[in-house]
Amino acid sequence: MEAKAIAKTLRVSPIKARLVIDLIRGKEVSTALNILNNMNNKSARLAKKVLDSAVSNAVNNFGMDKDTLFVSEARVDAGPVLKRHMFDSRSHIGHKDKRTSHIVIVVSNK
C-alpha cells in the first residue's frame, strides 16, 4: 500500500531541492525526518512538510503503521519559471529566471 503527497510551485530551485531529496530516498521515515530536521536550508524545510503530509495520509487514509513506513519514491520536478528582467550594461536587458519546483514523496509499507 502506498500513500503520496505532492507540493506544487514551491519557490526553490529544482537543482537545490534535488540535493536534499536524494538524501532521504529509500530511507525509513524516522531516519528521513532526522536527516531533514538537522539540515538548515529551505529545501529541507519544504521536503519535511511534504514528508509529514505523506505520512499523515498513510496513517489516516489507509491505516498504516507509522513505524513500518519508508520513503519508496521521492522526486523533484521542475515547475513553472517566473521570468524577470533587469537592466544590464550597454542598454541590454538581462534575465533573472526564478525557478519553482514540484516535490513528490511516496511512502509505503515494508
PDB file of N, CA and C in Angstrom:
ATOM      1  N   MET A   1       0.849  -1.173   0.000  1.00  0.00           N
ATOM      2  CA  MET A   1       0.000   0.000   0.000  1.00  0.00           C
ATOM      3  C   MET A   1       0.899   1.242   0.000  1.00  0.00           C
ATOM      4  N   GLU A   2       0.505   2.241  -0.746  1.00  0.00           N
ATOM      5  CA  GLU A   2       1.294   3.463  -0.864  1.00  0.00           C
ATOM      6  C   GLU A   2       0.442   4.676  -0.546  1.00  0.00           C
ATOM      7  N   ALA A   3       1.081   5.686  -0.013  1.00  0.00           N
ATOM      8  CA  ALA A   3       0.442   6.981   0.217  1.00  0.00           C
ATOM      9  C   ALA A   3       1.360   8.048  -0.357  1.00  0.00           C
ATOM     10  N   LYS A   4       0.751   9.075  -0.944  1.00  0.00           N
ATOM     11  CA  LYS A   4       1.511  10.075  -1.685  1.00  0.00           C
ATOM     12  C   LYS A   4       1.166  11.476  -1.211  1.00  0.00           C
ATOM     13  N   ALA A   5       2.140  12.372  -1.302  1.00  0.00           N
ATOM     14  CA  ALA A   5       1.912  13.795  -1.043  1.00  0.00           C
ATOM     15  C   ALA A   5       2.697  14.591  -2.083  1.00  0.00           C
ATOM     16  N   ILE A   6       2.072  15.652  -2.568  1.00  0.00           N
ATOM     17  CA  ILE A   6       2.684  16.498  -3.594  1.00  0.00           C
ATOM     18  C   ILE A   6       2.583  17.954  -3.152  1.00  0.00           C
ATOM     19  N   ALA A   7       3.667  18.681  -3.290  1.00  0.00           N
ATOM     20  CA  ALA A   7       3.650  20.133  -3.084  1.00  0.00           C
ATOM     21  C   ALA A   7       4.060  20.766  -4.402  1.00  0.00           C
ATOM     22  N   LYS A   8       3.216  21.632  -4.911  1.00  0.00           N
ATOM     23  CA  LYS A   8       3.470  22.205  -6.228  1.00  0.00           C
ATOM     24  C   LYS A   8       3.855  23.683  -6.136  1.00  0.00           C
ATOM     25  N   THR A   9       4.601  24.115  -7.110  1.00  0.00           N
ATOM     26  CA  THR A   9       5.009  25.507  -7.311  1.00  0.00           C
ATOM     27  C   THR A   9       5.702  26.096  -6.091  1.00  0.00           C
ATOM     28  N   LEU A  10       6.671  25.375  -5.564  1.00  0.00           N
ATOM     29  CA  LEU A  10       7.449  25.868  -4.431  1.00  0.00           C
ATOM     30  C   LEU A  10       8.573  26.748  -4.942  1.00  0.00           C
ATOM     31  N   ARG A  11       8.819  27.849  -4.258  1.00  0.00           N
ATOM     32  CA  ARG A  11       9.819  28.814  -4.717  1.00  0.00           C
ATOM     33  C   ARG A  11      11.220  28.412  -4.273  1.00  0.00           C
ATOM     34  N   VAL A  12      11.664  27.286  -4.795  1.00  0.00           N
ATOM     35  CA  VAL A  12      13.042  26.856  -4.597  1.00  0.00           C
ATOM     36  C   VAL A  12      13.483  26.185  -5.895  1.00  0.00           C
ATOM     37  N   SER A  13      14.723  26.345  -6.250  1.00  0.00           N
ATOM     38  CA  SER A  13      15.230  25.790  -7.489  1.00  0.00           C
ATOM     39  C   SER A  13      15.218  24.260  -7.443  1.00  0.00           C
ATOM     40  N   PRO A  14      14.833  23.605  -8.528  1.00  0.00           N
ATOM     41  CA  PRO A  14      14.817  22.141  -8.534  1.00  0.00           C
ATOM     42  C   PRO A  14      16.191  21.524  -8.286  1.00  0.00           C
ATOM     43  N   ILE A  15      17.239  22.183  -8.742  1.00  0.00           N
ATOM     44  CA  ILE A  15      18.591  21.655  -8.540  1.00  0.00           C
ATOM     45  C   ILE A  15      18.933  21.625  -7.054  1.00  0.00           C
ATOM     46  N   LYS A  16      18.586  22.682  -6.325  1.00  0.00           N
ATOM     47  CA  LYS A  16      18.861  22.733  -4.893  1.00  0.00           C
ATOM     48  C   LYS A  16      17.984  21.760  -4.122  1.00  0.00           C
ATOM     49  N   ALA A  17      16.728  21.598  -4.558  1.00  0.00           N
ATOM     50  CA  ALA A  17      15.820  20.686  -3.865  1.00  0.00           C
ATOM     51  C   ALA A  17      16.223  19.235  -4.089  1.00  0.00           C
ATOM     52  N   ARG A  18      16.759  18.904  -5.254  1.00  0.00           N
ATOM     53  CA  ARG A  18      17.168  17.521  -5.529  1.00  0.00           C
ATOM     54  C   ARG A  18      18.318  17.083  -4.638  1.00  0.00           C
ATOM     55  N   LEU A  19      19.176  18.012  -4.231  1.00  0.00           N
ATOM     56  CA  LEU A  19      20.273  17.667  -3.327  1.00  0.00           C
ATOM     57  C   LEU A  19      19.737  17.129  -2.001  1.00  0.00           C
ATOM     58  N   VAL A  20      18.638  17.696  -1.527  1.00  0.00           N
ATOM     59  CA  VAL A  20      18.044  17.270  -0.263  1.00  0.00           C
ATOM     60  C   VAL A  20      17.259  15.979  -0.446  1.00  0.00           C
ATOM     61  N   ILE A  21      16.468  15.905  -1.510  1.00  0.00           N
ATOM     62  CA  ILE A  21      15.605  14.749  -1.735  1.00  0.00           C
ATOM     63  C   ILE A  21      16.435  13.487  -1.959  1.00  0.00           C
ATOM     64  N   ASP A  22      17.603  13.616  -2.572  1.00  0.00           N
ATOM     65  CA  ASP A  22      18.453  12.451  -2.793  1.00  0.00           C
ATOM     66  C   ASP A  22      18.919  11.818  -1.485  1.00  0.00           C
ATOM     67  N   LEU A  23      18.988  12.608  -0.422  1.00  0.00           N
ATOM     68  CA  LEU A  23      19.445  12.084   0.865  1.00  0.00           C
ATOM     69  C   LEU A  23      18.412  11.200   1.552  1.00  0.00           C
ATOM     70  N   ILE A  24      17.123  11.413   1.282  1.00  0.00           N
ATOM     71  CA  ILE A  24      16.092  10.673   2.017  1.00  0.00           C
ATOM     72  C   ILE A  24      15.467   9.550   1.205  1.00  0.00           C
ATOM     73  N   ARG A  25      15.761   9.450  -0.076  1.00  0.00           N
ATOM     74  CA  ARG A  25      15.146   8.420  -0.919  1.00  0.00           C
ATOM     75  C   ARG A  25      15.555   7.027  -0.448  1.00  0.00           C
ATOM     76  N   GLY A  26      14.551   6.163  -0.196  1.00  0.00           N
ATOM     77  CA  GLY A  26      14.809   4.791   0.219  1.00  0.00           C
ATOM     78  C   GLY A  26      15.008   4.587   1.708  1.00  0.00           C
ATOM     79  N   LYS A  27      14.995   5.647   2.487  1.00  0.00           N
ATOM     80  CA  LYS A  27      15.226   5.543   3.925  1.00  0.00           C
ATOM     81  C   LYS A  27      13.910   5.321   4.676  1.00  0.00           C
ATOM     82  N   GLU A  28      14.013   4.867   5.914  1.00  0.00           N
ATOM     83  CA  GLU A  28      12.837   4.788   6.782  1.00  0.00           C
ATOM     84  C   GLU A  28      12.382   6.207   7.120  1.00  0.00           C
ATOM     85  N   VAL A  29      11.098   6.333   7.477  1.00  0.00           N
ATOM     86  CA  VAL A  29      10.532   7.662   7.712  1.00  0.00           C
ATOM     87  C   VAL A  29      11.208   8.337   8.901  1.00  0.00           C
ATOM     88  N   SER A  30      11.465   7.596   9.969  1.00  0.00           N
ATOM     89  CA  SER A  30      12.092   8.211  11.144  1.00  0.00           C
ATOM     90  C   SER A  30      13.503   8.701  10.824  1.00  0.00           C
ATOM     91  N   THR A  31      14.251   7.930  10.056  1.00  0.00           N
ATOM     92  CA  THR A  31      15.601   8.351   9.647  1.00  0.00           C
ATOM     93  C   THR A  31      15.535   9.569   8.726  1.00  0.00           C
ATOM     94  N   ALA A  32      14.590   9.552   7.801  1.00  0.00           N
ATOM     95  CA  ALA A  32      14.446  10.681   6.872  1.00  0.00           C
ATOM     96  C   ALA A  32      14.083  11.959   7.614  1.00  0.00           C
ATOM     97  N   LEU A  33      13.186  11.846   8.616  1.00  0.00           N
ATOM     98  CA  LEU A  33      12.822  13.035   9.390  1.00  0.00           C
ATOM     99  C   LEU A  33      14.009  13.562  10.185  1.00  0.00           C
ATOM    100  N   ASN A  34      14.837  12.660  10.729  1.00  0.00           N
ATOM    101  CA  ASN A  34      16.037  13.108  11.450  1.00  0.00           C
ATOM    102  C   ASN A  34      16.999  13.832  10.521  1.00  0.00           C
ATOM    103  N   ILE A  35      17.162  13.326   9.315  1.00  0.00           N
ATOM    104  CA  ILE A  35      18.045  13.983   8.341  1.00  0.00           C
ATOM    105  C   ILE A  35      17.529  15.375   8.007  1.00  0.00           C
ATOM    106  N   LEU A  36      16.216  15.481   7.750  1.00  0.00           N
ATOM    107  CA  LEU A  36      15.651  16.777   7.357  1.00  0.00           C
ATOM    108  C   LEU A  36      15.641  17.768   8.520  1.00  0.00           C
ATOM    109  N   ASN A  37      15.447  17.276   9.749  1.00  0.00           N
ATOM    110  CA  ASN A  37      15.451  18.176  10.902  1.00  0.00           C
ATOM    111  C   ASN A  37      16.826  18.776  11.160  1.00  0.00           C
ATOM    112  N   ASN A  38      17.886  18.058  10.789  1.00  0.00           N
ATOM    113  CA  ASN A  38      19.235  18.535  11.066  1.00  0.00           C
ATOM    114  C   ASN A  38      19.849  19.317   9.913  1.00  0.00           C
ATOM    115  N   MET A  39      19.100  19.526   8.847  1.00  0.00           N
ATOM    116  CA  MET A  39      19.588  20.349   7.748  1.00  0.00           C
ATOM    117  C   MET A  39      19.018  21.754   7.878  1.00  0.00           C
ATOM    118  N   ASN A  40      19.840  22.728   7.539  1.00  0.00           N
ATOM    119  CA  ASN A  40      19.434  24.119   7.711  1.00  0.00           C
ATOM    120  C   ASN A  40      19.335  24.807   6.356  1.00  0.00           C
ATOM    121  N   ASN A  41      18.328  24.411   5.555  1.00  0.00           N
ATOM    122  CA  ASN A  41      18.066  25.147   4.330  1.00  0.00           C
ATOM    123  C   ASN A  41      16.587  25.047   3.979  1.00  0.00           C
ATOM    124  N   LYS A  42      16.173  25.873   3.056  1.00  0.00           N
ATOM    125  CA  LYS A  42      14.763  25.981   2.715  1.00  0.00           C
ATOM    126  C   LYS A  42      14.236  24.688   2.101  1.00  0.00           C
ATOM    127  N   SER A  43      15.029  24.033   1.283  1.00  0.00           N
ATOM    128  CA  SER A  43      14.593  22.798   0.642  1.00  0.00           C
ATOM    129  C   SER A  43      14.276  21.723   1.669  1.00  0.00           C
ATOM    130  N   ALA A  44      15.068  21.646   2.717  1.00  0.00           N
ATOM    131  CA  ALA A  44      14.836  20.640   3.762  1.00  0.00           C
ATOM    132  C   ALA A  44      13.541  20.925   4.511  1.00  0.00           C
ATOM    133  N   ARG A  45      13.264  22.188   4.772  1.00  0.00           N
ATOM    134  CA  ARG A  45      12.021  22.532   5.473  1.00  0.00           C
ATOM    135  C   ARG A  45      10.803  22.187   4.616  1.00  0.00           C
ATOM    136  N   LEU A  46      10.869  22.464   3.324  1.00  0.00           N
ATOM    137  CA  LEU A  46       9.752  22.147   2.436  1.00  0.00           C
ATOM    138  C   LEU A  46       9.578  20.642   2.271  1.00  0.00           C
ATOM    139  N   ALA A  47      10.690  19.918   2.143  1.00  0.00           N
ATOM    140  CA  ALA A  47      10.615  18.467   1.994  1.00  0.00           C
ATOM    141  C   ALA A  47      10.069  17.817   3.257  1.00  0.00           C
ATOM    142  N   LYS A  48      10.379  18.379   4.427  1.00  0.00           N
ATOM    143  CA  LYS A  48       9.865  17.845   5.684  1.00  0.00           C
ATOM    144  C   LYS A  48       8.346  17.999   5.750  1.00  0.00           C
ATOM    145  N   LYS A  49       7.834  19.123   5.276  1.00  0.00           N
ATOM    146  CA  LYS A  49       6.385  19.316   5.251  1.00  0.00           C
ATOM    147  C   LYS A  49       5.705  18.290   4.352  1.00  0.00           C
ATOM    148  N   VAL A  50       6.296  18.039   3.184  1.00  0.00           N
ATOM    149  CA  VAL A  50       5.708  17.073   2.259  1.00  0.00           C
ATOM    150  C   VAL A  50       5.788  15.663   2.836  1.00  0.00           C
ATOM    151  N   LEU A  51       6.900  15.326   3.480  1.00  0.00           N
ATOM    152  CA  LEU A  51       7.039  14.009   4.086  1.00  0.00           C
ATOM    153  C   LEU A  51       6.039  13.818   5.225  1.00  0.00           C
ATOM    154  N   ASP A  52       5.860  14.838   6.050  1.00  0.00           N
ATOM    155  CA  ASP A  52       4.857  14.763   7.124  1.00  0.00           C
ATOM    156  C   ASP A  52       3.456  14.561   6.549  1.00  0.00           C
ATOM    157  N   SER A  53       3.160  15.231   5.460  1.00  0.00           N
ATOM    158  CA  SER A  53       1.858  15.081   4.826  1.00  0.00           C
ATOM    159  C   SER A  53       1.662  13.676   4.272  1.00  0.00           C
ATOM    160  N   ALA A  54       2.699  13.111   3.669  1.00  0.00           N
ATOM    161  CA  ALA A  54       2.604  11.753   3.128  1.00  0.00           C
ATOM    162  C   ALA A  54       2.398  10.731   4.241  1.00  0.00           C
ATOM    163  N   VAL A  55       3.089  10.919   5.357  1.00  0.00           N
ATOM    164  CA  VAL A  55       2.925  10.010   6.497  1.00  0.00           C
ATOM    165  C   VAL A  55       1.525  10.140   7.081  1.00  0.00           C
ATOM    166  N   SER A  56       1.024  11.355   7.191  1.00  0.00           N
ATOM    167  CA  SER A  56      -0.333  11.557   7.700  1.00  0.00           C
ATOM    168  C   SER A  56      -1.367  10.932   6.772  1.00  0.00           C
ATOM    169  N   ASN A  57      -1.156  11.050   5.463  1.00  0.00           N
ATOM    170  CA  ASN A  57      -2.064  10.409   4.517  1.00  0.00           C
ATOM    171  C   ASN A  57      -2.052   8.891   4.691  1.00  0.00           C
ATOM    172  N   ALA A  58      -0.876   8.325   4.919  1.00  0.00           N
ATOM    173  CA  ALA A  58      -0.776   6.876   5.079  1.00  0.00           C
ATOM    174  C   ALA A  58      -1.478   6.408   6.349  1.00  0.00           C
ATOM    175  N   VAL A  59      -1.293   7.160   7.432  1.00  0.00           N
ATOM    176  CA  VAL A  59      -1.868   6.748   8.715  1.00  0.00           C
ATOM    177  C   VAL A  59      -3.381   6.968   8.732  1.00  0.00           C
ATOM    178  N   ASN A  60      -3.837   8.125   8.282  1.00  0.00           N
ATOM    179  CA  ASN A  60      -5.253   8.464   8.380  1.00  0.00           C
ATOM    180  C   ASN A  60      -6.108   7.820   7.297  1.00  0.00           C
ATOM    181  N   ASN A  61      -5.629   7.796   6.068  1.00  0.00           N
ATOM    182  CA  ASN A  61      -6.453   7.310   4.965  1.00  0.00           C
ATOM    183  C   ASN A  61      -6.381   5.800   4.776  1.00  0.00           C
ATOM    184  N   PHE A  62      -5.208   5.202   5.060  1.00  0.00           N
ATOM    185  CA  PHE A  62      -5.022   3.792   4.773  1.00  0.00           C
ATOM    186  C   PHE A  62      -4.770   2.949   6.011  1.00  0.00           C
ATOM    187  N   GLY A  63      -4.674   3.570   7.175  1.00  0.00           N
ATOM    188  CA  GLY A  63      -4.495   2.830   8.421  1.00  0.00           C
ATOM    189  C   GLY A  63      -3.154   2.133   8.543  1.00  0.00           C
ATOM    190  N   MET A  64      -2.135   2.655   7.924  1.00  0.00           N
ATOM    191  CA  MET A  64      -0.799   2.052   8.012  1.00  0.00           C
ATOM    192  C   MET A  64      -0.142   2.423   9.337  1.00  0.00           C
ATOM    193  N   ASP A  65       0.830   1.609   9.738  1.00  0.00           N
ATOM    194  CA  ASP A  65       1.591   1.877  10.954  1.00  0.00           C
ATOM    195  C   ASP A  65       2.761   2.798  10.616  1.00  0.00           C
ATOM    196  N   LYS A  66       2.917   3.864  11.387  1.00  0.00           N
ATOM    197  CA  LYS A  66       3.945   4.864  11.094  1.00  0.00           C
ATOM    198  C   LYS A  66       5.357   4.287  11.221  1.00  0.00           C
ATOM    199  N   ASP A  67       5.531   3.298  12.108  1.00  0.00           N
ATOM    200  CA  ASP A  67       6.868   2.747  12.351  1.00  0.00           C
ATOM    201  C   ASP A  67       7.369   1.868  11.209  1.00  0.00           C
ATOM    202  N   THR A  68       6.481   1.366  10.360  1.00  0.00           N
ATOM    203  CA  THR A  68       6.897   0.467   9.281  1.00  0.00           C
ATOM    204  C   THR A  68       6.990   1.168   7.932  1.00  0.00           C
ATOM    205  N   LEU A  69       6.835   2.472   7.904  1.00  0.00           N
ATOM    206  CA  LEU A  69       6.848   3.202   6.633  1.00  0.00           C
ATOM    207  C   LEU A  69       8.269   3.548   6.207  1.00  0.00           C
ATOM    208  N   PHE A  70       8.488   3.558   4.895  1.00  0.00           N
ATOM    209  CA  PHE A  70       9.739   4.059   4.348  1.00  0.00           C
ATOM    210  C   PHE A  70       9.444   4.862   3.090  1.00  0.00           C
ATOM    211  N   VAL A  71      10.387   5.680   2.685  1.00  0.00           N
ATOM    212  CA  VAL A  71      10.227   6.553   1.519  1.00  0.00           C
ATOM    213  C   VAL A  71      10.519   5.719   0.274  1.00  0.00           C
ATOM    214  N   SER A  72       9.468   5.308  -0.422  1.00  0.00           N
ATOM    215  CA  SER A  72       9.663   4.459  -1.597  1.00  0.00           C
ATOM    216  C   SER A  72       9.972   5.272  -2.843  1.00  0.00           C
ATOM    217  N   GLU A  73       9.464   6.496  -2.910  1.00  0.00           N
ATOM    218  CA  GLU A  73       9.734   7.350  -4.065  1.00  0.00           C
ATOM    219  C   GLU A  73       9.817   8.790  -3.588  1.00  0.00           C
ATOM    220  N   ALA A  74      10.817   9.490  -4.051  1.00  0.00           N
ATOM    221  CA  ALA A  74      10.963  10.916  -3.744  1.00  0.00           C
ATOM    222  C   ALA A  74      11.583  11.570  -4.967  1.00  0.00           C
ATOM    223  N   ARG A  75      10.890  12.555  -5.509  1.00  0.00           N
ATOM    224  CA  ARG A  75      11.423  13.211  -6.696  1.00  0.00           C
ATOM    225  C   ARG A  75      11.060  14.689  -6.691  1.00  0.00           C
ATOM    226  N   VAL A  76      11.833  15.429  -7.468  1.00  0.00           N
ATOM    227  CA  VAL A  76      11.601  16.861  -7.634  1.00  0.00           C
ATOM    228  C   VAL A  76      11.468  17.134  -9.117  1.00  0.00           C
ATOM    229  N   ASP A  77      10.335  17.682  -9.502  1.00  0.00           N
ATOM    230  CA  ASP A  77      10.104  18.051 -10.890  1.00  0.00           C
ATOM    231  C   ASP A  77      10.171  19.568 -11.015  1.00  0.00           C
ATOM    232  N   ALA A  78      10.526  20.028 -12.187  1.00  0.00           N
ATOM    233  CA  ALA A  78      10.596  21.469 -12.431  1.00  0.00           C
ATOM    234  C   ALA A  78       9.192  22.024 -12.607  1.00  0.00           C
ATOM    235  N   GLY A  79       8.931  23.138 -11.951  1.00  0.00           N
ATOM    236  CA  GLY A  79       7.654  23.819 -12.078  1.00  0.00           C
ATOM    237  C   GLY A  79       7.763  24.966 -13.057  1.00  0.00           C
ATOM    238  N   PRO A  80       6.756  25.822 -13.076  1.00  0.00           N
ATOM    239  CA  PRO A  80       6.819  26.972 -13.973  1.00  0.00           C
ATOM    240  C   PRO A  80       7.922  27.942 -13.570  1.00  0.00           C
ATOM    241  N   VAL A  81       8.459  28.622 -14.545  1.00  0.00           N
ATOM    242  CA  VAL A  81       9.559  29.561 -14.317  1.00  0.00           C
ATOM    243  C   VAL A  81       9.006  30.980 -14.358  1.00  0.00           C
ATOM    244  N   LEU A  82       9.281  31.753 -13.317  1.00  0.00           N
ATOM    245  CA  LEU A  82       8.901  33.164 -13.296  1.00  0.00           C
ATOM    246  C   LEU A  82      10.031  33.946 -13.956  1.00  0.00           C
ATOM    247  N   LYS A  83       9.758  34.515 -15.107  1.00  0.00           N
ATOM    248  CA  LYS A  83      10.801  35.190 -15.869  1.00  0.00           C
ATOM    249  C   LYS A  83      10.790  36.675 -15.546  1.00  0.00           C
ATOM    250  N   ARG A  84      11.872  37.136 -14.981  1.00  0.00           N
ATOM    251  CA  ARG A  84      12.020  38.534 -14.600  1.00  0.00           C
ATOM    252  C   ARG A  84      13.151  39.144 -15.410  1.00  0.00           C
ATOM    253  N   HIS A  85      13.023  40.446 -15.692  1.00  0.00           N
ATOM    254  CA  HIS A  85      14.028  41.148 -16.479  1.00  0.00           C
ATOM    255  C   HIS A  85      14.642  42.257 -15.633  1.00  0.00           C
ATOM    256  N   MET A  86      15.900  42.544 -15.938  1.00  0.00           N
ATOM    257  CA  MET A  86      16.574  43.657 -15.287  1.00  0.00           C
ATOM    258  C   MET A  86      17.487  44.324 -16.305  1.00  0.00           C
ATOM    259  N   PHE A  87      17.756  45.572 -16.066  1.00  0.00           N
ATOM    260  CA  PHE A  87      18.613  46.299 -16.986  1.00  0.00           C
ATOM    261  C   PHE A  87      20.054  45.862 -16.810  1.00  0.00           C
ATOM    262  N   ASP A  88      20.710  45.683 -17.948  1.00  0.00           N
ATOM    263  CA  ASP A  88      22.086  45.225 -17.956  1.00  0.00           C
ATOM    264  C   ASP A  88      22.947  46.327 -18.563  1.00  0.00           C
ATOM    265  N   SER A  89      24.199  46.044 -18.747  1.00  0.00           N
ATOM    266  CA  SER A  89      25.090  47.059 -19.284  1.00  0.00           C
ATOM    267  C   SER A  89      24.801  47.327 -20.764  1.00  0.00           C
ATOM    268  N   ARG A  90      25.145  48.483 -21.214  1.00  0.00           N
ATOM    269  CA  ARG A  90      25.019  48.914 -22.607  1.00  0.00           C
ATOM    270  C   ARG A  90      23.589  48.798 -23.114  1.00  0.00           C
ATOM    271  N   SER A  91      22.631  49.135 -22.280  1.00  0.00           N
ATOM    272  CA  SER A  91      21.212  49.177 -22.632  1.00  0.00           C
ATOM    273  C   SER A  91      20.630  47.820 -23.023  1.00  0.00           C
ATOM    274  N   HIS A  92      21.225  46.764 -22.551  1.00  0.00           N
ATOM    275  CA  HIS A  92      20.687  45.430 -22.800  1.00  0.00           C
ATOM    276  C   HIS A  92      19.755  45.041 -21.655  1.00  0.00           C
ATOM    277  N   ILE A  93      18.931  44.048 -21.933  1.00  0.00           N
ATOM    278  CA  ILE A  93      18.043  43.512 -20.903  1.00  0.00           C
ATOM    279  C   ILE A  93      18.607  42.176 -20.436  1.00  0.00           C
ATOM    280  N   GLY A  94      18.835  42.050 -19.145  1.00  0.00           N
ATOM    281  CA  GLY A  94      19.298  40.785 -18.577  1.00  0.00           C
ATOM    282  C   GLY A  94      18.124  39.980 -18.065  1.00  0.00           C
ATOM    283  N   HIS A  95      18.317  38.687 -17.950  1.00  0.00           N
ATOM    284  CA  HIS A  95      17.247  37.807 -17.487  1.00  0.00           C
ATOM    285  C   HIS A  95      17.566  37.290 -16.100  1.00  0.00           C
ATOM    286  N   LYS A  96      16.556  37.242 -15.252  1.00  0.00           N
ATOM    287  CA  LYS A  96      16.681  36.674 -13.915  1.00  0.00           C
ATOM    288  C   LYS A  96      15.520  35.706 -13.758  1.00  0.00           C
ATOM    289  N   ASP A  97      15.735  34.438 -14.113  1.00  0.00           N
ATOM    290  CA  ASP A  97      14.680  33.436 -14.041  1.00  0.00           C
ATOM    291  C   ASP A  97      14.551  32.922 -12.614  1.00  0.00           C
ATOM    292  N   LYS A  98      13.342  32.952 -12.101  1.00  0.00           N
ATOM    293  CA  LYS A  98      13.070  32.451 -10.755  1.00  0.00           C
ATOM    294  C   LYS A  98      12.368  31.108 -10.912  1.00  0.00           C
ATOM    295  N   ARG A  99      13.080  30.043 -10.607  1.00  0.00           N
ATOM    296  CA  ARG A  99      12.589  28.691 -10.860  1.00  0.00           C
ATOM    297  C   ARG A  99      11.747  28.177  -9.689  1.00  0.00           C
ATOM    298  N   THR A 100      10.790  27.301 -10.020  1.00  0.00           N
ATOM    299  CA  THR A 100       9.946  26.693  -8.998  1.00  0.00           C
ATOM    300  C   THR A 100      10.025  25.172  -9.131  1.00  0.00           C
ATOM    301  N   SER A 101       9.540  24.482  -8.094  1.00  0.00           N
ATOM    302  CA  SER A 101       9.658  23.028  -8.030  1.00  0.00           C
ATOM    303  C   SER A 101       8.343  22.394  -7.633  1.00  0.00           C
ATOM    304  N   HIS A 102       8.171  21.135  -8.033  1.00  0.00           N
ATOM    305  CA  HIS A 102       7.110  20.277  -7.523  1.00  0.00           C
ATOM    306  C   HIS A 102       7.810  19.130  -6.791  1.00  0.00           C
ATOM    307  N   ILE A 103       7.507  18.951  -5.508  1.00  0.00           N
ATOM    308  CA  ILE A 103       8.104  17.865  -4.729  1.00  0.00           C
ATOM    309  C   ILE A 103       7.059  16.774  -4.540  1.00  0.00           C
ATOM    310  N   VAL A 104       7.425  15.535  -4.906  1.00  0.00           N
ATOM    311  CA  VAL A 104       6.542  14.375  -4.785  1.00  0.00           C
ATOM    312  C   VAL A 104       7.226  13.352  -3.880  1.00  0.00           C
ATOM    313  N   ILE A 105       6.527  12.938  -2.813  1.00  0.00           N
ATOM    314  CA  ILE A 105       7.060  11.918  -1.910  1.00  0.00           C
ATOM    315  C   ILE A 105       6.002  10.835  -1.742  1.00  0.00           C
ATOM    316  N   VAL A 106       6.404   9.579  -1.930  1.00  0.00           N
ATOM    317  CA  VAL A 106       5.538   8.419  -1.771  1.00  0.00           C
ATOM    318  C   VAL A 106       6.121   7.546  -0.664  1.00  0.00           C
ATOM    319  N   VAL A 107       5.278   7.189   0.321  1.00  0.00           N
ATOM    320  CA  VAL A 107       5.715   6.279   1.386  1.00  0.00           C
ATOM    321  C   VAL A 107       4.909   4.994   1.262  1.00  0.00           C
ATOM    322  N   SER A 108       5.537   3.889   1.664  1.00  0.00           N
ATOM    323  CA  SER A 108       4.847   2.600   1.605  1.00  0.00           C
ATOM    324  C   SER A 108       5.324   1.708   2.743  1.00  0.00           C
ATOM    325  N   ASN A 109       4.606   0.604   2.934  1.00  0.00           N
ATOM    326  CA  ASN A 109       4.971  -0.366   3.974  1.00  0.00           C
ATOM    327  C   ASN A 109       6.167  -1.181   3.549  1.00  0.00           C
ATOM    328  N   LYS A 110       6.818  -1.767   4.543  1.00  0.00           N
ATOM    329  CA  LYS A 110       7.918  -2.682   4.241  1.00  0.00           C
ATOM    330  C   LYS A 110       7.373  -4.017   3.816  1.00  0.00           C
TER     331      LYS A 110
END
